[in-house]
Amino acid sequence: MPTEKQRALRRLAVLEQSVLTTWIQVLEWDRLRRWVLDNNLLDDYKEQPYFSSRQEVTKIQRALKKSSSMFSRFLTFLGIK
């Protein structure tokens, strides 16, 4: 069973990974973030299992061309994509 400290660190991680939509969430995030910083718990926060269990998905693709640039228009004229 997780301790109160572990639950608070996990809740902060969840809040930081999501879009805050209410003032209650913003205030909770601020309170937890200050608690971590004031109690020197940043290393504990970074090393929690929540982060190691998440997968990062990286999508590799070509950068979009800016259609308004002269160079882009020139490449389009030549038929180069």
PDB file of N, CA and C in Angstrom:
ATOM      1  N   MET A   1       0.847  -1.186   0.000  1.00  0.00           N
ATOM      2  CA  MET A   1       0.000   0.000   0.000  1.00  0.00           C
ATOM      3  C   MET A   1       0.891   1.247   0.000  1.00  0.00           C
ATOM      4  N   PRO A   2       0.617   2.171  -0.927  1.00  0.00           N
ATOM      5  CA  PRO A   2       1.456   3.377  -1.005  1.00  0.00           C
ATOM      6  C   PRO A   2       1.276   4.287   0.205  1.00  0.00           C
ATOM      7  N   THR A   3       2.354   4.953   0.555  1.00  0.00           N
ATOM      8  CA  THR A   3       2.313   5.901   1.663  1.00  0.00           C
ATOM      9  C   THR A   3       1.686   7.214   1.187  1.00  0.00           C
ATOM     10  N   GLU A   4       1.431   8.085   2.126  1.00  0.00           N
ATOM     11  CA  GLU A   4       0.863   9.405   1.793  1.00  0.00           C
ATOM     12  C   GLU A   4       1.815  10.193   0.898  1.00  0.00           C
ATOM     13  N   LYS A   5       3.111  10.092   1.182  1.00  0.00           N
ATOM     14  CA  LYS A   5       4.124  10.781   0.382  1.00  0.00           C
ATOM     15  C   LYS A   5       4.110  10.255  -1.063  1.00  0.00           C
ATOM     16  N   GLN A   6       4.055   8.937  -1.235  1.00  0.00           N
ATOM     17  CA  GLN A   6       4.035   8.344  -2.570  1.00  0.00           C
ATOM     18  C   GLN A   6       2.771   8.740  -3.337  1.00  0.00           C
ATOM     19  N   ARG A   7       1.642   8.791  -2.640  1.00  0.00           N
ATOM     20  CA  ARG A   7       0.392   9.199  -3.295  1.00  0.00           C
ATOM     21  C   ARG A   7       0.463  10.655  -3.743  1.00  0.00           C
ATOM     22  N   ALA A   8       1.058  11.510  -2.910  1.00  0.00           N
ATOM     23  CA  ALA A   8       1.174  12.922  -3.260  1.00  0.00           C
ATOM     24  C   ALA A   8       2.116  13.120  -4.450  1.00  0.00           C
ATOM     25  N   LEU A   9       3.231  12.396  -4.474  1.00  0.00           N
ATOM     26  CA  LEU A   9       4.165  12.495  -5.593  1.00  0.00           C
ATOM     27  C   LEU A   9       3.535  11.999  -6.890  1.00  0.00           C
ATOM     28  N   ARG A  10       2.782  10.915  -6.792  1.00  0.00           N
ATOM     29  CA  ARG A  10       2.102  10.390  -7.985  1.00  0.00           C
ATOM     30  C   ARG A  10       1.033  11.363  -8.468  1.00  0.00           C
ATOM     31  N   ARG A  11       0.294  11.952  -7.555  1.00  0.00           N
ATOM     32  CA  ARG A  11      -0.743  12.908  -7.937  1.00  0.00           C
ATOM     33  C   ARG A  11      -0.128  14.115  -8.642  1.00  0.00           C
ATOM     34  N   LEU A  12       1.007  14.591  -8.154  1.00  0.00           N
ATOM     35  CA  LEU A  12       1.694  15.703  -8.803  1.00  0.00           C
ATOM     36  C   LEU A  12       2.129  15.309 -10.219  1.00  0.00           C
ATOM     37  N   ALA A  13       2.643  14.103 -10.366  1.00  0.00           N
ATOM     38  CA  ALA A  13       3.062  13.643 -11.696  1.00  0.00           C
ATOM     39  C   ALA A  13       1.870  13.578 -12.642  1.00  0.00           C
ATOM     40  N   VAL A  14       0.741  13.091 -12.157  1.00  0.00           N
ATOM     41  CA  VAL A  14      -0.458  13.015 -12.985  1.00  0.00           C
ATOM     42  C   VAL A  14      -0.918  14.408 -13.379  1.00  0.00           C
ATOM     43  N   LEU A  15      -0.911  15.336 -12.431  1.00  0.00           N
ATOM     44  CA  LEU A  15      -1.322  16.702 -12.729  1.00  0.00           C
ATOM     45  C   LEU A  15      -0.399  17.363 -13.750  1.00  0.00           C
ATOM     46  N   GLU A  16       0.897  17.096 -13.644  1.00  0.00           N
ATOM     47  CA  GLU A  16       1.838  17.714 -14.568  1.00  0.00           C
ATOM     48  C   GLU A  16       1.754  17.112 -15.963  1.00  0.00           C
ATOM     49  N   GLN A  17       1.236  15.900 -16.085  1.00  0.00           N
ATOM     50  CA  GLN A  17       1.111  15.256 -17.391  1.00  0.00           C
ATOM     51  C   GLN A  17      -0.220  15.544 -18.067  1.00  0.00           C
ATOM     52  N   SER A  18      -1.120  16.218 -17.379  1.00  0.00           N
ATOM     53  CA  SER A  18      -2.442  16.463 -17.940  1.00  0.00           C
ATOM     54  C   SER A  18      -2.691  17.963 -18.090  1.00  0.00           C
ATOM     55  N   VAL A  19      -3.745  18.273 -18.807  1.00  0.00           N
ATOM     56  CA  VAL A  19      -4.151  19.662 -18.977  1.00  0.00           C
ATOM     57  C   VAL A  19      -5.006  20.047 -17.774  1.00  0.00           C
ATOM     58  N   LEU A  20      -4.620  21.102 -17.094  1.00  0.00           N
ATOM     59  CA  LEU A  20      -5.372  21.552 -15.924  1.00  0.00           C
ATOM     60  C   LEU A  20      -6.578  22.358 -16.402  1.00  0.00           C
ATOM     61  N   THR A  21      -7.763  21.902 -16.038  1.00  0.00           N
ATOM     62  CA  THR A  21      -8.978  22.527 -16.565  1.00  0.00           C
ATOM     63  C   THR A  21      -9.772  23.305 -15.524  1.00  0.00           C
ATOM     64  N   THR A  22      -9.436  23.133 -14.258  1.00  0.00           N
ATOM     65  CA  THR A  22     -10.167  23.854 -13.212  1.00  0.00           C
ATOM     66  C   THR A  22      -9.182  24.546 -12.279  1.00  0.00           C
ATOM     67  N   TRP A  23      -9.683  25.543 -11.580  1.00  0.00           N
ATOM     68  CA  TRP A  23      -8.833  26.238 -10.604  1.00  0.00           C
ATOM     69  C   TRP A  23      -8.457  25.323  -9.452  1.00  0.00           C
ATOM     70  N   ILE A  24      -9.309  24.380  -9.125  1.00  0.00           N
ATOM     71  CA  ILE A  24      -8.991  23.438  -8.048  1.00  0.00           C
ATOM     72  C   ILE A  24      -7.759  22.616  -8.420  1.00  0.00           C
ATOM     73  N   GLN A  25      -7.680  22.182  -9.676  1.00  0.00           N
ATOM     74  CA  GLN A  25      -6.512  21.436 -10.128  1.00  0.00           C
ATOM     75  C   GLN A  25      -5.258  22.308 -10.115  1.00  0.00           C
ATOM     76  N   VAL A  26      -5.400  23.556 -10.519  1.00  0.00           N
ATOM     77  CA  VAL A  26      -4.252  24.471 -10.523  1.00  0.00           C
ATOM     78  C   VAL A  26      -3.750  24.687  -9.095  1.00  0.00           C
ATOM     79  N   LEU A  27      -4.663  24.909  -8.181  1.00  0.00           N
ATOM     80  CA  LEU A  27      -4.267  25.130  -6.785  1.00  0.00           C
ATOM     81  C   LEU A  27      -3.651  23.875  -6.176  1.00  0.00           C
ATOM     82  N   GLU A  28      -4.200  22.707  -6.503  1.00  0.00           N
ATOM     83  CA  GLU A  28      -3.640  21.452  -6.000  1.00  0.00           C
ATOM     84  C   GLU A  28      -2.234  21.239  -6.562  1.00  0.00           C
ATOM     85  N   TRP A  29      -2.055  21.505  -7.862  1.00  0.00           N
ATOM     86  CA  TRP A  29      -0.737  21.376  -8.481  1.00  0.00           C
ATOM     87  C   TRP A  29       0.265  22.319  -7.800  1.00  0.00           C
ATOM     88  N   ASP A  30      -0.150  23.566  -7.576  1.00  0.00           N
ATOM     89  CA  ASP A  30       0.729  24.550  -6.940  1.00  0.00           C
ATOM     90  C   ASP A  30       1.111  24.118  -5.530  1.00  0.00           C
ATOM     91  N   ARG A  31       0.136  23.642  -4.774  1.00  0.00           N
ATOM     92  CA  ARG A  31       0.398  23.198  -3.393  1.00  0.00           C
ATOM     93  C   ARG A  31       1.359  22.017  -3.378  1.00  0.00           C
ATOM     94  N   LEU A  32       1.140  21.023  -4.249  1.00  0.00           N
ATOM     95  CA  LEU A  32       2.011  19.851  -4.283  1.00  0.00           C
ATOM     96  C   LEU A  32       3.414  20.198  -4.783  1.00  0.00           C
ATOM     97  N   ARG A  33       3.490  21.063  -5.772  1.00  0.00           N
ATOM     98  CA  ARG A  33       4.788  21.456  -6.310  1.00  0.00           C
ATOM     99  C   ARG A  33       5.614  22.196  -5.250  1.00  0.00           C
ATOM    100  N   ARG A  34       4.965  23.102  -4.536  1.00  0.00           N
ATOM    101  CA  ARG A  34       5.674  23.808  -3.454  1.00  0.00           C
ATOM    102  C   ARG A  34       6.120  22.843  -2.360  1.00  0.00           C
ATOM    103  N   TRP A  35       5.281  21.871  -2.032  1.00  0.00           N
ATOM    104  CA  TRP A  35       5.607  20.871  -1.023  1.00  0.00           C
ATOM    105  C   TRP A  35       6.845  20.081  -1.431  1.00  0.00           C
ATOM    106  N   VAL A  36       6.917  19.680  -2.695  1.00  0.00           N
ATOM    107  CA  VAL A  36       8.082  18.934  -3.187  1.00  0.00           C
ATOM    108  C   VAL A  36       9.337  19.791  -3.109  1.00  0.00           C
ATOM    109  N   LEU A  37       9.234  21.033  -3.559  1.00  0.00           N
ATOM    110  CA  LEU A  37      10.408  21.911  -3.555  1.00  0.00           C
ATOM    111  C   LEU A  37      10.839  22.305  -2.146  1.00  0.00           C
ATOM    112  N   ASP A  38       9.888  22.619  -1.276  1.00  0.00           N
ATOM    113  CA  ASP A  38      10.213  23.042   0.089  1.00  0.00           C
ATOM    114  C   ASP A  38      10.825  21.918   0.923  1.00  0.00           C
ATOM    115  N   ASN A  39      10.435  20.671   0.641  1.00  0.00           N
ATOM    116  CA  ASN A  39      10.931  19.535   1.418  1.00  0.00           C
ATOM    117  C   ASN A  39      12.063  18.789   0.715  1.00  0.00           C
ATOM    118  N   ASN A  40      12.603  19.391  -0.346  1.00  0.00           N
ATOM    119  CA  ASN A  40      13.740  18.816  -1.054  1.00  0.00           C
ATOM    120  C   ASN A  40      13.450  17.386  -1.534  1.00  0.00           C
ATOM    121  N   LEU A  41      12.280  17.197  -2.144  1.00  0.00           N
ATOM    122  CA  LEU A  41      11.855  15.876  -2.601  1.00  0.00           C
ATOM    123  C   LEU A  41      11.935  15.719  -4.113  1.00  0.00           C
ATOM    124  N   LEU A  42      12.691  16.561  -4.769  1.00  0.00           N
ATOM    125  CA  LEU A  42      12.755  16.524  -6.225  1.00  0.00           C
ATOM    126  C   LEU A  42      13.337  15.204  -6.742  1.00  0.00           C
ATOM    127  N   ASP A  43      14.339  14.672  -6.073  1.00  0.00           N
ATOM    128  CA  ASP A  43      14.912  13.383  -6.485  1.00  0.00           C
ATOM    129  C   ASP A  43      13.895  12.260  -6.305  1.00  0.00           C
ATOM    130  N   ASP A  44      13.165  12.280  -5.196  1.00  0.00           N
ATOM    131  CA  ASP A  44      12.120  11.277  -4.981  1.00  0.00           C
ATOM    132  C   ASP A  44      11.047  11.385  -6.054  1.00  0.00           C
ATOM    133  N   TYR A  45      10.725  12.601  -6.428  1.00  0.00           N
ATOM    134  CA  TYR A  45       9.716  12.829  -7.457  1.00  0.00           C
ATOM    135  C   TYR A  45      10.164  12.252  -8.795  1.00  0.00           C
ATOM    136  N   LYS A  46      11.412  12.499  -9.177  1.00  0.00           N
ATOM    137  CA  LYS A  46      11.927  12.034 -10.463  1.00  0.00           C
ATOM    138  C   LYS A  46      12.088  10.520 -10.517  1.00  0.00           C
ATOM    139  N   GLU A  47      12.359   9.891  -9.376  1.00  0.00           N
ATOM    140  CA  GLU A  47      12.654   8.457  -9.347  1.00  0.00           C
ATOM    141  C   GLU A  47      11.446   7.579  -9.069  1.00  0.00           C
ATOM    142  N   GLN A  48      10.272   8.147  -9.013  1.00  0.00           N
ATOM    143  CA  GLN A  48       9.103   7.334  -8.705  1.00  0.00           C
ATOM    144  C   GLN A  48       8.741   6.396  -9.863  1.00  0.00           C
ATOM    145  N   PRO A  49       8.126   5.256  -9.571  1.00  0.00           N
ATOM    146  CA  PRO A  49       7.811   4.266 -10.599  1.00  0.00           C
ATOM    147  C   PRO A  49       6.838   4.769 -11.668  1.00  0.00           C
ATOM    148  N   TYR A  50       6.112   5.826 -11.389  1.00  0.00           N
ATOM    149  CA  TYR A  50       5.149   6.361 -12.357  1.00  0.00           C
ATOM    150  C   TYR A  50       5.823   6.689 -13.683  1.00  0.00           C
ATOM    151  N   PHE A  51       7.015   7.270 -13.638  1.00  0.00           N
ATOM    152  CA  PHE A  51       7.704   7.676 -14.850  1.00  0.00           C
ATOM    153  C   PHE A  51       8.309   6.489 -15.595  1.00  0.00           C
ATOM    154  N   SER A  52       8.808   5.495 -14.870  1.00  0.00           N
ATOM    155  CA  SER A  52       9.408   4.339 -15.533  1.00  0.00           C
ATOM    156  C   SER A  52       8.356   3.452 -16.184  1.00  0.00           C
ATOM    157  N   SER A  53       7.112   3.527 -15.739  1.00  0.00           N
ATOM    158  CA  SER A  53       6.058   2.694 -16.317  1.00  0.00           C
ATOM    159  C   SER A  53       5.392   3.335 -17.528  1.00  0.00           C
ATOM    160  N   ARG A  54       5.654   4.613 -17.755  1.00  0.00           N
ATOM    161  CA  ARG A  54       5.063   5.296 -18.908  1.00  0.00           C
ATOM    162  C   ARG A  54       5.951   5.103 -20.131  1.00  0.00           C
ATOM    163  N   GLN A  55       5.332   5.006 -21.283  1.00  0.00           N
ATOM    164  CA  GLN A  55       6.070   4.885 -22.524  1.00  0.00           C
ATOM    165  C   GLN A  55       6.017   6.202 -23.257  1.00  0.00           C
ATOM    166  N   GLU A  56       7.138   6.588 -23.805  1.00  0.00           N
ATOM    167  CA  GLU A  56       7.182   7.801 -24.605  1.00  0.00           C
ATOM    168  C   GLU A  56       7.037   7.405 -26.063  1.00  0.00           C
ATOM    169  N   VAL A  57       6.139   8.045 -26.755  1.00  0.00           N
ATOM    170  CA  VAL A  57       5.921   7.764 -28.162  1.00  0.00           C
ATOM    171  C   VAL A  57       6.463   8.948 -28.951  1.00  0.00           C
ATOM    172  N   THR A  58       7.421   8.659 -29.794  1.00  0.00           N
ATOM    173  CA  THR A  58       8.017   9.699 -30.619  1.00  0.00           C
ATOM    174  C   THR A  58       7.693   9.402 -32.073  1.00  0.00           C
ATOM    175  N   LYS A  59       7.139  10.382 -32.742  1.00  0.00           N
ATOM    176  CA  LYS A  59       6.794  10.222 -34.148  1.00  0.00           C
ATOM    177  C   LYS A  59       7.820  10.988 -34.966  1.00  0.00           C
ATOM    178  N   ILE A  60       8.498  10.275 -35.861  1.00  0.00           N
ATOM    179  CA  ILE A  60       9.505  10.900 -36.687  1.00  0.00           C
ATOM    180  C   ILE A  60       8.900  11.149 -38.066  1.00  0.00           C
ATOM    181  N   GLN A  61       8.932  12.387 -38.488  1.00  0.00           N
ATOM    182  CA  GLN A  61       8.409  12.742 -39.797  1.00  0.00           C
ATOM    183  C   GLN A  61       9.144  13.963 -40.310  1.00  0.00           C
ATOM    184  N   ARG A  62       8.981  14.221 -41.575  1.00  0.00           N
ATOM    185  CA  ARG A  62       9.627  15.388 -42.169  1.00  0.00           C
ATOM    186  C   ARG A  62       8.942  16.652 -41.685  1.00  0.00           C
ATOM    187  N   ALA A  63       9.721  17.692 -41.571  1.00  0.00           N
ATOM    188  CA  ALA A  63       9.167  18.984 -41.181  1.00  0.00           C
ATOM    189  C   ALA A  63       8.288  19.511 -42.313  1.00  0.00           C
ATOM    190  N   LEU A  64       7.212  20.158 -41.933  1.00  0.00           N
ATOM    191  CA  LEU A  64       6.320  20.724 -42.926  1.00  0.00           C
ATOM    192  C   LEU A  64       6.965  21.923 -43.590  1.00  0.00           C
ATOM    193  N   LYS A  65       6.695  22.063 -44.882  1.00  0.00           N
ATOM    194  CA  LYS A  65       7.222  23.217 -45.601  1.00  0.00           C
ATOM    195  C   LYS A  65       6.323  24.412 -45.326  1.00  0.00           C
ATOM    196  N   LYS A  66       6.938  25.543 -45.213  1.00  0.00           N
ATOM    197  CA  LYS A  66       6.175  26.774 -45.071  1.00  0.00           C
ATOM    198  C   LYS A  66       5.784  27.217 -46.484  1.00  0.00           C
ATOM    199  N   SER A  67       4.511  27.158 -46.756  1.00  0.00           N
ATOM    200  CA  SER A  67       4.053  27.365 -48.123  1.00  0.00           C
ATOM    201  C   SER A  67       4.273  28.786 -48.618  1.00  0.00           C
ATOM    202  N   SER A  68       4.444  29.722 -47.739  1.00  0.00           N
ATOM    203  CA  SER A  68       4.584  31.104 -48.176  1.00  0.00           C
ATOM    204  C   SER A  68       6.020  31.493 -48.528  1.00  0.00           C
ATOM    205  N   SER A  69       6.991  30.639 -48.244  1.00  0.00           N
ATOM    206  CA  SER A  69       8.373  31.020 -48.519  1.00  0.00           C
ATOM    207  C   SER A  69       8.682  30.894 -50.011  1.00  0.00           C
ATOM    208  N   MET A  70       9.554  31.740 -50.488  1.00  0.00           N
ATOM    209  CA  MET A  70       9.942  31.724 -51.896  1.00  0.00           C
ATOM    210  C   MET A  70      10.625  30.403 -52.259  1.00  0.00           C
ATOM    211  N   PHE A  71      11.455  29.895 -51.369  1.00  0.00           N
ATOM    212  CA  PHE A  71      12.146  28.639 -51.630  1.00  0.00           C
ATOM    213  C   PHE A  71      11.158  27.500 -51.793  1.00  0.00           C
ATOM    214  N   SER A  72      10.140  27.460 -50.922  1.00  0.00           N
ATOM    215  CA  SER A  72       9.124  26.431 -51.000  1.00  0.00           C
ATOM    216  C   SER A  72       8.352  26.523 -52.307  1.00  0.00           C
ATOM    217  N   ARG A  73       8.046  27.736 -52.729  1.00  0.00           N
ATOM    218  CA  ARG A  73       7.347  27.922 -54.006  1.00  0.00           C
ATOM    219  C   ARG A  73       8.224  27.447 -55.169  1.00  0.00           C
ATOM    220  N   PHE A  74       9.518  27.714 -55.084  1.00  0.00           N
ATOM    221  CA  PHE A  74      10.445  27.276 -56.121  1.00  0.00           C
ATOM    222  C   PHE A  74      10.494  25.755 -56.198  1.00  0.00           C
ATOM    223  N   LEU A  75      10.565  25.085 -55.026  1.00  0.00           N
ATOM    224  CA  LEU A  75      10.580  23.626 -55.009  1.00  0.00           C
ATOM    225  C   LEU A  75       9.284  23.052 -55.560  1.00  0.00           C
ATOM    226  N   THR A  76       8.177  23.675 -55.236  1.00  0.00           N
ATOM    227  CA  THR A  76       6.883  23.239 -55.752  1.00  0.00           C
ATOM    228  C   THR A  76       6.846  23.409 -57.272  1.00  0.00           C
ATOM    229  N   PHE A  77       7.377  24.510 -57.761  1.00  0.00           N
ATOM    230  CA  PHE A  77       7.428  24.773 -59.203  1.00  0.00           C
ATOM    231  C   PHE A  77       8.221  23.686 -59.925  1.00  0.00           C
ATOM    232  N   LEU A  78       9.338  23.238 -59.301  1.00  0.00           N
ATOM    233  CA  LEU A  78      10.172  22.189 -59.899  1.00  0.00           C
ATOM    234  C   LEU A  78       9.591  20.795 -59.691  1.00  0.00           C
ATOM    235  N   GLY A  79       8.546  20.698 -58.884  1.00  0.00           N
ATOM    236  CA  GLY A  79       7.935  19.394 -58.618  1.00  0.00           C
ATOM    237  C   GLY A  79       8.646  18.598 -57.546  1.00  0.00           C
ATOM    238  N   ILE A  80       9.418  19.257 -56.721  1.00  0.00           N
ATOM    239  CA  ILE A  80      10.147  18.596 -55.627  1.00  0.00           C
ATOM    240  C   ILE A  80       9.331  18.740 -54.356  1.00  0.00           C
ATOM    241  N   LYS A  81       9.101  17.606 -53.712  1.00  0.00           N
ATOM    242  CA  LYS A  81       8.305  17.652 -52.473  1.00  0.00           C
ATOM    243  C   LYS A  81       9.183  17.517 -51.270  1.00  0.00           C
TER     244      LYS A  81
END
